[in-house]
């Protein structure tokens, strides 16, 4: 899946394996991601694209950390309800 701004992505490697992030921007082979808690919009995590898997869910919630947290929480709740 193509990595684009606003896409939810799952970490495939590193100490944050299986964490869900929102992609803020993509440069060449690197994506800048945030989860709204530890990695905020003002201090995003730099992650190689090969260590991320796009989930296919897009969100417009990119303005505030609270919106990012809510989008990730809604996605996780949708998994539990299935």
Foldseek 3Di string as FASTA:
>chain_A
DDDDAQFWKAFCDDPRHRDIWGFHHDDDQWTWTAQLPPAFLVRTDIDGNVRIDTPPDGDPPDPHSVSSNVVRVVVVVVVVVD
